[in-house]
């Protein structure tokens, strides 16, 4: 019985000691935006349209917590939440953005989420 308890304890320690974190979450502010000037219409909205504003997520009929992301005002209103969710890997659900896509959105939000 004691042997089982020790085995389970060791197994629990090993399994909980392994995890995956994104560098952007662990070390916020390390994204270099100095060479990137993302445009909402050219860079951000295409990512939102293909990865977020899709059926069952944030399309025009979305009733989920985040609401729809089909125009600038809707995206801007949730910009800091969007940044937080993509940096943590919570969104988009069931997949992930590339490092370049994460950087584009993060830099756009950090630069004031302007409509350009």
PDB file of N, CA and C in Angstrom:
ATOM      1  N   UNK A   1       0.821  -1.195   0.000  1.00  0.00           N
ATOM      2  CA  UNK A   1       0.000   0.000   0.000  1.00  0.00           C
ATOM      3  C   UNK A   1       0.868   1.264   0.000  1.00  0.00           C
ATOM      4  N   UNK A   2       1.901   1.274   0.826  1.00  0.00           N
ATOM      5  CA  UNK A   2       2.803   2.415   0.887  1.00  0.00           C
ATOM      6  C   UNK A   2       3.533   2.572  -0.439  1.00  0.00           C
ATOM      7  N   UNK A   3       3.871   1.446  -1.050  1.00  0.00           N
ATOM      8  CA  UNK A   3       4.560   1.478  -2.337  1.00  0.00           C
ATOM      9  C   UNK A   3       3.670   2.134  -3.405  1.00  0.00           C
ATOM     10  N   UNK A   4       2.363   1.842  -3.393  1.00  0.00           N
ATOM     11  CA  UNK A   4       1.430   2.446  -4.338  1.00  0.00           C
ATOM     12  C   UNK A   4       1.323   3.951  -4.105  1.00  0.00           C
ATOM     13  N   UNK A   5       1.286   4.358  -2.857  1.00  0.00           N
ATOM     14  CA  UNK A   5       1.192   5.778  -2.526  1.00  0.00           C
ATOM     15  C   UNK A   5       2.432   6.518  -3.015  1.00  0.00           C
ATOM     16  N   UNK A   6       3.593   5.925  -2.800  1.00  0.00           N
ATOM     17  CA  UNK A   6       4.843   6.541  -3.242  1.00  0.00           C
ATOM     18  C   UNK A   6       4.882   6.616  -4.763  1.00  0.00           C
ATOM     19  N   UNK A   7       4.470   5.544  -5.429  1.00  0.00           N
ATOM     20  CA  UNK A   7       4.458   5.513  -6.892  1.00  0.00           C
ATOM     21  C   UNK A   7       3.510   6.577  -7.447  1.00  0.00           C
ATOM     22  N   UNK A   8       2.325   6.670  -6.887  1.00  0.00           N
ATOM     23  CA  UNK A   8       1.346   7.663  -7.336  1.00  0.00           C
ATOM     24  C   UNK A   8       1.870   9.074  -7.070  1.00  0.00           C
ATOM     25  N   UNK A   9       2.499   9.291  -5.934  1.00  0.00           N
ATOM     26  CA  UNK A   9       3.053  10.613  -5.603  1.00  0.00           C
ATOM     27  C   UNK A   9       4.146  11.008  -6.570  1.00  0.00           C
ATOM     28  N   UNK A  10       5.028  10.077  -6.899  1.00  0.00           N
ATOM     29  CA  UNK A  10       6.108  10.361  -7.843  1.00  0.00           C
ATOM     30  C   UNK A  10       5.530  10.637  -9.225  1.00  0.00           C
ATOM     31  N   UNK A  11       4.583   9.830  -9.644  1.00  0.00           N
ATOM     32  CA  UNK A  11       3.946  10.020 -10.941  1.00  0.00           C
ATOM     33  C   UNK A  11       3.258  11.386 -11.006  1.00  0.00           C
ATOM     34  N   UNK A  12       2.559  11.759  -9.965  1.00  0.00           N
ATOM     35  CA  UNK A  12       1.887  13.068  -9.925  1.00  0.00           C
ATOM     36  C   UNK A  12       2.901  14.200 -10.007  1.00  0.00           C
ATOM     37  N   UNK A  13       4.005  14.068  -9.299  1.00  0.00           N
ATOM     38  CA  UNK A  13       5.043  15.102  -9.326  1.00  0.00           C
ATOM     39  C   UNK A  13       5.648  15.242 -10.719  1.00  0.00           C
ATOM     40  N   UNK A  14       5.884  14.142 -11.385  1.00  0.00           N
ATOM     41  CA  UNK A  14       6.462  14.167 -12.726  1.00  0.00           C
ATOM     42  C   UNK A  14       5.481  14.787 -13.718  1.00  0.00           C
ATOM     43  N   UNK A  15       4.237  14.372 -13.674  1.00  0.00           N
ATOM     44  CA  UNK A  15       3.247  14.857 -14.631  1.00  0.00           C
ATOM     45  C   UNK A  15       2.915  16.328 -14.434  1.00  0.00           C
ATOM     46  N   UNK A  16       2.873  16.779 -13.201  1.00  0.00           N
ATOM     47  CA  UNK A  16       2.548  18.190 -12.973  1.00  0.00           C
ATOM     48  C   UNK A  16       3.757  19.085 -13.177  1.00  0.00           C
ATOM     49  N   UNK A  17       4.926  18.518 -13.236  1.00  0.00           N
ATOM     50  CA  UNK A  17       6.134  19.304 -13.451  1.00  0.00           C
ATOM     51  C   UNK A  17       6.391  19.601 -14.908  1.00  0.00           C
ATOM     52  N   UNK A  18       5.676  18.949 -15.806  1.00  0.00           N
ATOM     53  CA  UNK A  18       5.859  19.153 -17.242  1.00  0.00           C
ATOM     54  C   UNK A  18       4.699  19.977 -17.780  1.00  0.00           C
ATOM     55  N   UNK A  19       5.027  21.063 -18.441  1.00  0.00           N
ATOM     56  CA  UNK A  19       3.993  21.886 -19.028  1.00  0.00           C
ATOM     57  C   UNK A  19       4.575  22.670 -20.189  1.00  0.00           C
ATOM     58  N   UNK A  20       3.704  23.264 -20.976  1.00  0.00           N
ATOM     59  CA  UNK A  20       4.113  24.031 -22.144  1.00  0.00           C
ATOM     60  C   UNK A  20       3.606  25.459 -21.974  1.00  0.00           C
ATOM     61  N   UNK A  21       4.503  26.398 -22.026  1.00  0.00           N
ATOM     62  CA  UNK A  21       4.131  27.801 -21.971  1.00  0.00           C
ATOM     63  C   UNK A  21       4.705  28.518 -23.177  1.00  0.00           C
ATOM     64  N   UNK A  22       4.026  29.554 -23.578  1.00  0.00           N
ATOM     65  CA  UNK A  22       4.514  30.369 -24.681  1.00  0.00           C
ATOM     66  C   UNK A  22       5.437  31.452 -24.136  1.00  0.00           C
ATOM     67  N   UNK A  23       6.495  31.721 -24.843  1.00  0.00           N
ATOM     68  CA  UNK A  23       7.471  32.725 -24.427  1.00  0.00           C
ATOM     69  C   UNK A  23       6.803  34.081 -24.213  1.00  0.00           C
ATOM     70  N   UNK A  24       5.840  34.432 -25.073  1.00  0.00           N
ATOM     71  CA  UNK A  24       5.183  35.724 -24.981  1.00  0.00           C
ATOM     72  C   UNK A  24       4.423  35.885 -23.663  1.00  0.00           C
ATOM     73  N   UNK A  25       3.920  34.765 -23.125  1.00  0.00           N
ATOM     74  CA  UNK A  25       3.182  34.815 -21.870  1.00  0.00           C
ATOM     75  C   UNK A  25       4.150  34.872 -20.688  1.00  0.00           C
ATOM     76  N   UNK A  26       5.209  34.065 -20.764  1.00  0.00           N
ATOM     77  CA  UNK A  26       6.185  34.036 -19.679  1.00  0.00           C
ATOM     78  C   UNK A  26       6.975  35.333 -19.569  1.00  0.00           C
ATOM     79  N   UNK A  27       7.283  35.912 -20.707  1.00  0.00           N
ATOM     80  CA  UNK A  27       8.106  37.121 -20.744  1.00  0.00           C
ATOM     81  C   UNK A  27       7.399  38.203 -21.552  1.00  0.00           C
ATOM     82  N   UNK A  28       6.334  38.788 -20.990  1.00  0.00           N
ATOM     83  CA  UNK A  28       5.590  39.794 -21.744  1.00  0.00           C
ATOM     84  C   UNK A  28       6.480  40.986 -22.092  1.00  0.00           C
ATOM     85  N   UNK A  29       6.205  41.557 -23.232  1.00  0.00           N
ATOM     86  CA  UNK A  29       6.970  42.716 -23.655  1.00  0.00           C
ATOM     87  C   UNK A  29       8.209  42.360 -24.459  1.00  0.00           C
ATOM     88  N   UNK A  30       8.439  41.054 -24.686  1.00  0.00           N
ATOM     89  CA  UNK A  30       9.619  40.664 -25.444  1.00  0.00           C
ATOM     90  C   UNK A  30       9.367  40.682 -26.947  1.00  0.00           C
ATOM     91  N   UNK A  31       8.129  40.897 -27.349  1.00  0.00           N
ATOM     92  CA  UNK A  31       7.821  40.975 -28.768  1.00  0.00           C
ATOM     93  C   UNK A  31       8.390  42.271 -29.312  1.00  0.00           C
ATOM     94  N   UNK A  32       9.239  42.162 -30.312  1.00  0.00           N
ATOM     95  CA  UNK A  32       9.873  43.332 -30.905  1.00  0.00           C
ATOM     96  C   UNK A  32       8.961  43.907 -31.980  1.00  0.00           C
ATOM     97  N   UNK A  33       8.382  45.039 -31.686  1.00  0.00           N
ATOM     98  CA  UNK A  33       7.479  45.688 -32.627  1.00  0.00           C
ATOM     99  C   UNK A  33       8.168  46.815 -33.391  1.00  0.00           C
ATOM    100  N   UNK A  34       9.457  47.006 -33.142  1.00  0.00           N
ATOM    101  CA  UNK A  34      10.163  48.132 -33.750  1.00  0.00           C
ATOM    102  C   UNK A  34      10.243  48.040 -35.272  1.00  0.00           C
ATOM    103  N   UNK A  35      10.227  46.843 -35.799  1.00  0.00           N
ATOM    104  CA  UNK A  35      10.311  46.686 -37.256  1.00  0.00           C
ATOM    105  C   UNK A  35       8.965  46.311 -37.875  1.00  0.00           C
ATOM    106  N   UNK A  36       7.937  46.323 -37.063  1.00  0.00           N
ATOM    107  CA  UNK A  36       6.618  45.910 -37.542  1.00  0.00           C
ATOM    108  C   UNK A  36       5.618  47.026 -37.288  1.00  0.00           C
ATOM    109  N   UNK A  37       4.919  47.428 -38.304  1.00  0.00           N
ATOM    110  CA  UNK A  37       3.883  48.447 -38.180  1.00  0.00           C
ATOM    111  C   UNK A  37       2.608  47.867 -38.781  1.00  0.00           C
ATOM    112  N   UNK A  38       1.930  46.980 -38.035  1.00  0.00           N
ATOM    113  CA  UNK A  38       0.779  46.293 -38.612  1.00  0.00           C
ATOM    114  C   UNK A  38      -0.409  47.215 -38.863  1.00  0.00           C
ATOM    115  N   UNK A  39      -1.013  47.008 -39.979  1.00  0.00           N
ATOM    116  CA  UNK A  39      -2.218  47.734 -40.376  1.00  0.00           C
ATOM    117  C   UNK A  39      -3.422  46.857 -40.035  1.00  0.00           C
ATOM    118  N   UNK A  40      -4.469  47.486 -39.519  1.00  0.00           N
ATOM    119  CA  UNK A  40      -5.673  46.713 -39.200  1.00  0.00           C
ATOM    120  C   UNK A  40      -6.241  46.066 -40.452  1.00  0.00           C
ATOM    121  N   UNK A  41      -6.460  46.863 -41.496  1.00  0.00           N
ATOM    122  CA  UNK A  41      -7.117  46.326 -42.696  1.00  0.00           C
ATOM    123  C   UNK A  41      -6.243  45.355 -43.485  1.00  0.00           C
ATOM    124  N   UNK A  42      -4.934  45.584 -43.494  1.00  0.00           N
ATOM    125  CA  UNK A  42      -4.039  44.746 -44.289  1.00  0.00           C
ATOM    126  C   UNK A  42      -3.549  43.513 -43.547  1.00  0.00           C
ATOM    127  N   UNK A  43      -3.268  43.647 -42.259  1.00  0.00           N
ATOM    128  CA  UNK A  43      -2.647  42.558 -41.506  1.00  0.00           C
ATOM    129  C   UNK A  43      -3.553  41.890 -40.465  1.00  0.00           C
ATOM    130  N   UNK A  44      -4.233  42.700 -39.675  1.00  0.00           N
ATOM    131  CA  UNK A  44      -5.003  42.155 -38.546  1.00  0.00           C
ATOM    132  C   UNK A  44      -6.328  41.545 -38.995  1.00  0.00           C
ATOM    133  N   UNK A  45      -7.122  42.303 -39.742  1.00  0.00           N
ATOM    134  CA  UNK A  45      -8.451  41.819 -40.119  1.00  0.00           C
ATOM    135  C   UNK A  45      -8.418  40.519 -40.918  1.00  0.00           C
ATOM    136  N   UNK A  46      -7.465  40.318 -41.837  1.00  0.00           N
ATOM    137  CA  UNK A  46      -7.430  39.020 -42.522  1.00  0.00           C
ATOM    138  C   UNK A  46      -7.224  37.839 -41.560  1.00  0.00           C
ATOM    139  N   UNK A  47      -6.440  38.041 -40.521  1.00  0.00           N
ATOM    140  CA  UNK A  47      -6.258  36.974 -39.518  1.00  0.00           C
ATOM    141  C   UNK A  47      -7.568  36.750 -38.776  1.00  0.00           C
ATOM    142  N   UNK A  48      -8.191  37.839 -38.361  1.00  0.00           N
ATOM    143  CA  UNK A  48      -9.467  37.744 -37.633  1.00  0.00           C
ATOM    144  C   UNK A  48     -10.518  37.050 -38.498  1.00  0.00           C
ATOM    145  N   UNK A  49     -10.594  37.419 -39.773  1.00  0.00           N
ATOM    146  CA  UNK A  49     -11.602  36.848 -40.669  1.00  0.00           C
ATOM    147  C   UNK A  49     -11.410  35.351 -40.890  1.00  0.00           C
ATOM    148  N   UNK A  50     -10.171  34.905 -40.995  1.00  0.00           N
ATOM    149  CA  UNK A  50      -9.935  33.503 -41.300  1.00  0.00           C
ATOM    150  C   UNK A  50      -9.793  32.613 -40.067  1.00  0.00           C
ATOM    151  N   UNK A  51      -9.496  33.189 -38.911  1.00  0.00           N
ATOM    152  CA  UNK A  51      -9.242  32.377 -37.725  1.00  0.00           C
ATOM    153  C   UNK A  51     -10.223  32.615 -36.588  1.00  0.00           C
ATOM    154  N   UNK A  52     -10.942  33.752 -36.610  1.00  0.00           N
ATOM    155  CA  UNK A  52     -11.824  34.098 -35.486  1.00  0.00           C
ATOM    156  C   UNK A  52     -13.281  34.303 -35.915  1.00  0.00           C
ATOM    157  N   UNK A  53     -13.495  35.117 -36.925  1.00  0.00           N
ATOM    158  CA  UNK A  53     -14.851  35.468 -37.357  1.00  0.00           C
ATOM    159  C   UNK A  53     -15.417  34.397 -38.271  1.00  0.00           C
ATOM    160  N   UNK A  54     -15.412  33.165 -37.773  1.00  0.00           N
ATOM    161  CA  UNK A  54     -15.891  32.019 -38.547  1.00  0.00           C
ATOM    162  C   UNK A  54     -17.104  31.420 -37.847  1.00  0.00           C
ATOM    163  N   UNK A  55     -17.863  30.625 -38.574  1.00  0.00           N
ATOM    164  CA  UNK A  55     -19.074  30.007 -38.025  1.00  0.00           C
ATOM    165  C   UNK A  55     -18.767  29.271 -36.724  1.00  0.00           C
ATOM    166  N   UNK A  56     -19.578  29.542 -35.733  1.00  0.00           N
ATOM    167  CA  UNK A  56     -19.421  28.881 -34.442  1.00  0.00           C
ATOM    168  C   UNK A  56     -18.469  29.597 -33.506  1.00  0.00           C
ATOM    169  N   UNK A  57     -17.809  30.628 -33.977  1.00  0.00           N
ATOM    170  CA  UNK A  57     -16.872  31.367 -33.119  1.00  0.00           C
ATOM    171  C   UNK A  57     -17.309  32.824 -33.004  1.00  0.00           C
ATOM    172  N   UNK A  58     -16.707  33.696 -33.788  1.00  0.00           N
ATOM    173  CA  UNK A  58     -16.986  35.130 -33.681  1.00  0.00           C
ATOM    174  C   UNK A  58     -17.524  35.710 -34.977  1.00  0.00           C
ATOM    175  N   UNK A  59     -18.402  34.962 -35.666  1.00  0.00           N
ATOM    176  CA  UNK A  59     -19.020  35.486 -36.881  1.00  0.00           C
ATOM    177  C   UNK A  59     -20.148  36.448 -36.526  1.00  0.00           C
ATOM    178  N   UNK A  60     -20.842  36.957 -37.526  1.00  0.00           N
ATOM    179  CA  UNK A  60     -21.882  37.972 -37.319  1.00  0.00           C
ATOM    180  C   UNK A  60     -23.010  37.501 -36.410  1.00  0.00           C
ATOM    181  N   UNK A  61     -23.271  36.209 -36.354  1.00  0.00           N
ATOM    182  CA  UNK A  61     -24.365  35.696 -35.534  1.00  0.00           C
ATOM    183  C   UNK A  61     -23.890  35.156 -34.185  1.00  0.00           C
ATOM    184  N   UNK A  62     -22.661  35.447 -33.848  1.00  0.00           N
ATOM    185  CA  UNK A  62     -22.073  34.902 -32.620  1.00  0.00           C
ATOM    186  C   UNK A  62     -22.832  35.347 -31.378  1.00  0.00           C
ATOM    187  N   UNK A  63     -23.119  34.383 -30.537  1.00  0.00           N
ATOM    188  CA  UNK A  63     -23.744  34.665 -29.255  1.00  0.00           C
ATOM    189  C   UNK A  63     -22.825  34.289 -28.114  1.00  0.00           C
ATOM    190  N   UNK A  64     -21.567  33.988 -28.437  1.00  0.00           N
ATOM    191  CA  UNK A  64     -20.652  33.577 -27.377  1.00  0.00           C
ATOM    192  C   UNK A  64     -20.145  34.783 -26.598  1.00  0.00           C
ATOM    193  N   UNK A  65     -19.408  34.534 -25.555  1.00  0.00           N
ATOM    194  CA  UNK A  65     -18.955  35.575 -24.638  1.00  0.00           C
ATOM    195  C   UNK A  65     -18.212  36.715 -25.332  1.00  0.00           C
ATOM    196  N   UNK A  66     -17.378  36.403 -26.301  1.00  0.00           N
ATOM    197  CA  UNK A  66     -16.605  37.444 -26.984  1.00  0.00           C
ATOM    198  C   UNK A  66     -17.406  38.260 -27.966  1.00  0.00           C
ATOM    199  N   UNK A  67     -18.501  37.688 -28.450  1.00  0.00           N
ATOM    200  CA  UNK A  67     -19.322  38.375 -29.434  1.00  0.00           C
ATOM    201  C   UNK A  67     -18.717  38.306 -30.821  1.00  0.00           C
ATOM    202  N   UNK A  68     -19.342  38.984 -31.763  1.00  0.00           N
ATOM    203  CA  UNK A  68     -18.847  38.958 -33.138  1.00  0.00           C
ATOM    204  C   UNK A  68     -17.621  39.853 -33.321  1.00  0.00           C
ATOM    205  N   UNK A  69     -16.756  39.454 -34.255  1.00  0.00           N
ATOM    206  CA  UNK A  69     -15.570  40.231 -34.634  1.00  0.00           C
ATOM    207  C   UNK A  69     -15.590  40.430 -36.147  1.00  0.00           C
ATOM    208  N   UNK A  70     -16.576  41.150 -36.646  1.00  0.00           N
ATOM    209  CA  UNK A  70     -16.689  41.291 -38.092  1.00  0.00           C
ATOM    210  C   UNK A  70     -16.359  42.692 -38.599  1.00  0.00           C
ATOM    211  N   UNK A  71     -16.102  43.640 -37.695  1.00  0.00           N
ATOM    212  CA  UNK A  71     -15.709  44.970 -38.135  1.00  0.00           C
ATOM    213  C   UNK A  71     -14.715  45.576 -37.143  1.00  0.00           C
ATOM    214  N   UNK A  72     -14.148  46.698 -37.530  1.00  0.00           N
ATOM    215  CA  UNK A  72     -13.112  47.323 -36.716  1.00  0.00           C
ATOM    216  C   UNK A  72     -13.582  47.602 -35.287  1.00  0.00           C
ATOM    217  N   UNK A  73     -14.745  48.219 -35.125  1.00  0.00           N
ATOM    218  CA  UNK A  73     -15.209  48.602 -33.787  1.00  0.00           C
ATOM    219  C   UNK A  73     -15.351  47.390 -32.860  1.00  0.00           C
ATOM    220  N   UNK A  74     -15.871  46.305 -33.378  1.00  0.00           N
ATOM    221  CA  UNK A  74     -16.017  45.097 -32.559  1.00  0.00           C
ATOM    222  C   UNK A  74     -14.662  44.534 -32.151  1.00  0.00           C
ATOM    223  N   UNK A  75     -13.707  44.542 -33.054  1.00  0.00           N
ATOM    224  CA  UNK A  75     -12.367  44.030 -32.745  1.00  0.00           C
ATOM    225  C   UNK A  75     -11.660  44.984 -31.790  1.00  0.00           C
ATOM    226  N   UNK A  76     -11.736  46.283 -32.034  1.00  0.00           N
ATOM    227  CA  UNK A  76     -11.076  47.261 -31.174  1.00  0.00           C
ATOM    228  C   UNK A  76     -11.613  47.189 -29.756  1.00  0.00           C
ATOM    229  N   UNK A  77     -12.930  47.047 -29.616  1.00  0.00           N
ATOM    230  CA  UNK A  77     -13.536  46.985 -28.278  1.00  0.00           C
ATOM    231  C   UNK A  77     -12.996  45.821 -27.457  1.00  0.00           C
ATOM    232  N   UNK A  78     -12.556  44.772 -28.107  1.00  0.00           N
ATOM    233  CA  UNK A  78     -12.051  43.576 -27.425  1.00  0.00           C
ATOM    234  C   UNK A  78     -10.550  43.375 -27.647  1.00  0.00           C
ATOM    235  N   UNK A  79      -9.859  44.394 -28.143  1.00  0.00           N
ATOM    236  CA  UNK A  79      -8.456  44.248 -28.549  1.00  0.00           C
ATOM    237  C   UNK A  79      -7.564  43.695 -27.439  1.00  0.00           C
ATOM    238  N   UNK A  80      -7.644  44.244 -26.240  1.00  0.00           N
ATOM    239  CA  UNK A  80      -6.756  43.756 -25.170  1.00  0.00           C
ATOM    240  C   UNK A  80      -7.099  42.329 -24.771  1.00  0.00           C
ATOM    241  N   UNK A  81      -8.378  41.990 -24.804  1.00  0.00           N
ATOM    242  CA  UNK A  81      -8.788  40.617 -24.493  1.00  0.00           C
ATOM    243  C   UNK A  81      -8.320  39.664 -25.582  1.00  0.00           C
ATOM    244  N   UNK A  82      -8.446  40.081 -26.823  1.00  0.00           N
ATOM    245  CA  UNK A  82      -7.978  39.257 -27.942  1.00  0.00           C
ATOM    246  C   UNK A  82      -6.492  38.987 -27.785  1.00  0.00           C
ATOM    247  N   UNK A  83      -5.726  40.043 -27.509  1.00  0.00           N
ATOM    248  CA  UNK A  83      -4.276  39.881 -27.330  1.00  0.00           C
ATOM    249  C   UNK A  83      -3.973  38.899 -26.204  1.00  0.00           C
ATOM    250  N   UNK A  84      -4.626  39.070 -25.095  1.00  0.00           N
ATOM    251  CA  UNK A  84      -4.421  38.187 -23.949  1.00  0.00           C
ATOM    252  C   UNK A  84      -4.762  36.739 -24.287  1.00  0.00           C
ATOM    253  N   UNK A  85      -5.870  36.538 -24.973  1.00  0.00           N
ATOM    254  CA  UNK A  85      -6.324  35.190 -25.310  1.00  0.00           C
ATOM    255  C   UNK A  85      -5.398  34.497 -26.306  1.00  0.00           C
ATOM    256  N   UNK A  86      -4.874  35.247 -27.279  1.00  0.00           N
ATOM    257  CA  UNK A  86      -3.982  34.605 -28.240  1.00  0.00           C
ATOM    258  C   UNK A  86      -2.603  34.353 -27.632  1.00  0.00           C
ATOM    259  N   UNK A  87      -2.151  35.250 -26.757  1.00  0.00           N
ATOM    260  CA  UNK A  87      -0.855  35.040 -26.108  1.00  0.00           C
ATOM    261  C   UNK A  87      -0.883  33.832 -25.184  1.00  0.00           C
ATOM    262  N   UNK A  88      -2.014  33.625 -24.525  1.00  0.00           N
ATOM    263  CA  UNK A  88      -2.118  32.482 -23.617  1.00  0.00           C
ATOM    264  C   UNK A  88      -2.356  31.172 -24.358  1.00  0.00           C
ATOM    265  N   UNK A  89      -2.744  31.266 -25.624  1.00  0.00           N
ATOM    266  CA  UNK A  89      -3.044  30.069 -26.399  1.00  0.00           C
ATOM    267  C   UNK A  89      -4.474  29.593 -26.236  1.00  0.00           C
ATOM    268  N   UNK A  90      -5.283  30.363 -25.496  1.00  0.00           N
ATOM    269  CA  UNK A  90      -6.683  29.980 -25.289  1.00  0.00           C
ATOM    270  C   UNK A  90      -7.509  30.136 -26.561  1.00  0.00           C
ATOM    271  N   UNK A  91      -7.120  31.057 -27.416  1.00  0.00           N
ATOM    272  CA  UNK A  91      -7.810  31.291 -28.673  1.00  0.00           C
ATOM    273  C   UNK A  91      -6.782  31.288 -29.798  1.00  0.00           C
ATOM    274  N   UNK A  92      -7.165  30.906 -30.966  1.00  0.00           N
ATOM    275  CA  UNK A  92      -8.451  30.330 -31.328  1.00  0.00           C
ATOM    276  C   UNK A  92      -8.590  28.907 -30.795  1.00  0.00           C
ATOM    277  N   UNK A  93      -9.801  28.559 -30.425  1.00  0.00           N
ATOM    278  CA  UNK A  93     -10.050  27.234 -29.875  1.00  0.00           C
ATOM    279  C   UNK A  93      -9.790  26.161 -30.929  1.00  0.00           C
ATOM    280  N   UNK A  94      -9.140  25.106 -30.487  1.00  0.00           N
ATOM    281  CA  UNK A  94      -8.901  23.963 -31.356  1.00  0.00           C
ATOM    282  C   UNK A  94      -7.719  24.116 -32.291  1.00  0.00           C
ATOM    283  N   UNK A  95      -7.065  25.265 -32.269  1.00  0.00           N
ATOM    284  CA  UNK A  95      -5.892  25.468 -33.114  1.00  0.00           C
ATOM    285  C   UNK A  95      -5.035  26.564 -32.495  1.00  0.00           C
ATOM    286  N   UNK A  96      -4.026  26.984 -33.216  1.00  0.00           N
ATOM    287  CA  UNK A  96      -3.205  28.080 -32.715  1.00  0.00           C
ATOM    288  C   UNK A  96      -2.762  28.953 -33.868  1.00  0.00           C
ATOM    289  N   UNK A  97      -2.419  30.173 -33.542  1.00  0.00           N
ATOM    290  CA  UNK A  97      -1.900  31.087 -34.545  1.00  0.00           C
ATOM    291  C   UNK A  97      -0.400  30.873 -34.685  1.00  0.00           C
ATOM    292  N   UNK A  98       0.140  31.284 -35.802  1.00  0.00           N
ATOM    293  CA  UNK A  98       1.589  31.221 -35.976  1.00  0.00           C
ATOM    294  C   UNK A  98       2.227  32.320 -35.127  1.00  0.00           C
ATOM    295  N   UNK A  99       3.506  32.209 -34.894  1.00  0.00           N
ATOM    296  CA  UNK A  99       4.229  33.238 -34.142  1.00  0.00           C
ATOM    297  C   UNK A  99       4.106  34.593 -34.839  1.00  0.00           C
ATOM    298  N   UNK A 100       4.147  34.596 -36.162  1.00  0.00           N
ATOM    299  CA  UNK A 100       4.024  35.847 -36.916  1.00  0.00           C
ATOM    300  C   UNK A 100       2.639  36.469 -36.746  1.00  0.00           C
ATOM    301  N   UNK A 101       1.591  35.639 -36.761  1.00  0.00           N
ATOM    302  CA  UNK A 101       0.236  36.157 -36.570  1.00  0.00           C
ATOM    303  C   UNK A 101       0.062  36.719 -35.166  1.00  0.00           C
ATOM    304  N   UNK A 102       0.609  36.029 -34.183  1.00  0.00           N
ATOM    305  CA  UNK A 102       0.543  36.505 -32.800  1.00  0.00           C
ATOM    306  C   UNK A 102       1.256  37.846 -32.680  1.00  0.00           C
ATOM    307  N   UNK A 103       2.415  37.965 -33.312  1.00  0.00           N
ATOM    308  CA  UNK A 103       3.176  39.209 -33.253  1.00  0.00           C
ATOM    309  C   UNK A 103       2.409  40.357 -33.912  1.00  0.00           C
ATOM    310  N   UNK A 104       1.795  40.100 -35.043  1.00  0.00           N
ATOM    311  CA  UNK A 104       1.020  41.136 -35.738  1.00  0.00           C
ATOM    312  C   UNK A 104      -0.086  41.677 -34.841  1.00  0.00           C
ATOM    313  N   UNK A 105      -0.881  40.785 -34.274  1.00  0.00           N
ATOM    314  CA  UNK A 105      -1.994  41.232 -33.436  1.00  0.00           C
ATOM    315  C   UNK A 105      -1.478  41.900 -32.177  1.00  0.00           C
ATOM    316  N   UNK A 106      -0.475  41.314 -31.543  1.00  0.00           N
ATOM    317  CA  UNK A 106       0.087  41.877 -30.322  1.00  0.00           C
ATOM    318  C   UNK A 106       0.646  43.282 -30.561  1.00  0.00           C
ATOM    319  N   UNK A 107       1.395  43.455 -31.631  1.00  0.00           N
ATOM    320  CA  UNK A 107       1.975  44.767 -31.935  1.00  0.00           C
ATOM    321  C   UNK A 107       0.892  45.773 -32.303  1.00  0.00           C
ATOM    322  N   UNK A 108      -0.127  45.333 -33.019  1.00  0.00           N
ATOM    323  CA  UNK A 108      -1.223  46.226 -33.377  1.00  0.00           C
ATOM    324  C   UNK A 108      -1.932  46.730 -32.126  1.00  0.00           C
ATOM    325  N   UNK A 109      -2.221  45.844 -31.197  1.00  0.00           N
ATOM    326  CA  UNK A 109      -2.870  46.244 -29.944  1.00  0.00           C
ATOM    327  C   UNK A 109      -1.942  47.161 -29.133  1.00  0.00           C
ATOM    328  N   UNK A 110      -0.676  46.776 -29.025  1.00  0.00           N
ATOM    329  CA  UNK A 110       0.288  47.579 -28.260  1.00  0.00           C
ATOM    330  C   UNK A 110       0.482  48.979 -28.835  1.00  0.00           C
ATOM    331  N   UNK A 111       0.277  49.134 -30.154  1.00  0.00           N
ATOM    332  CA  UNK A 111       0.445  50.443 -30.773  1.00  0.00           C
ATOM    333  C   UNK A 111      -0.844  51.265 -30.761  1.00  0.00           C
ATOM    334  N   UNK A 112      -1.849  50.813 -30.033  1.00  0.00           N
ATOM    335  CA  UNK A 112      -3.068  51.587 -29.884  1.00  0.00           C
ATOM    336  C   UNK A 112      -4.265  51.075 -30.635  1.00  0.00           C
ATOM    337  N   UNK A 113      -4.138  49.958 -31.319  1.00  0.00           N
ATOM    338  CA  UNK A 113      -5.240  49.327 -32.050  1.00  0.00           C
ATOM    339  C   UNK A 113      -5.935  50.329 -32.987  1.00  0.00           C
ATOM    340  N   UNK A 114      -5.132  51.015 -33.772  1.00  0.00           N
ATOM    341  CA  UNK A 114      -5.675  52.041 -34.658  1.00  0.00           C
ATOM    342  C   UNK A 114      -6.332  51.446 -35.892  1.00  0.00           C
ATOM    343  N   UNK A 115      -7.260  52.198 -36.472  1.00  0.00           N
ATOM    344  CA  UNK A 115      -7.979  51.771 -37.663  1.00  0.00           C
ATOM    345  C   UNK A 115      -7.223  52.279 -38.892  1.00  0.00           C
ATOM    346  N   UNK A 116      -6.235  51.504 -39.276  1.00  0.00           N
ATOM    347  CA  UNK A 116      -5.410  51.905 -40.417  1.00  0.00           C
ATOM    348  C   UNK A 116      -5.388  50.822 -41.477  1.00  0.00           C
TER     349      UNK A 116
END
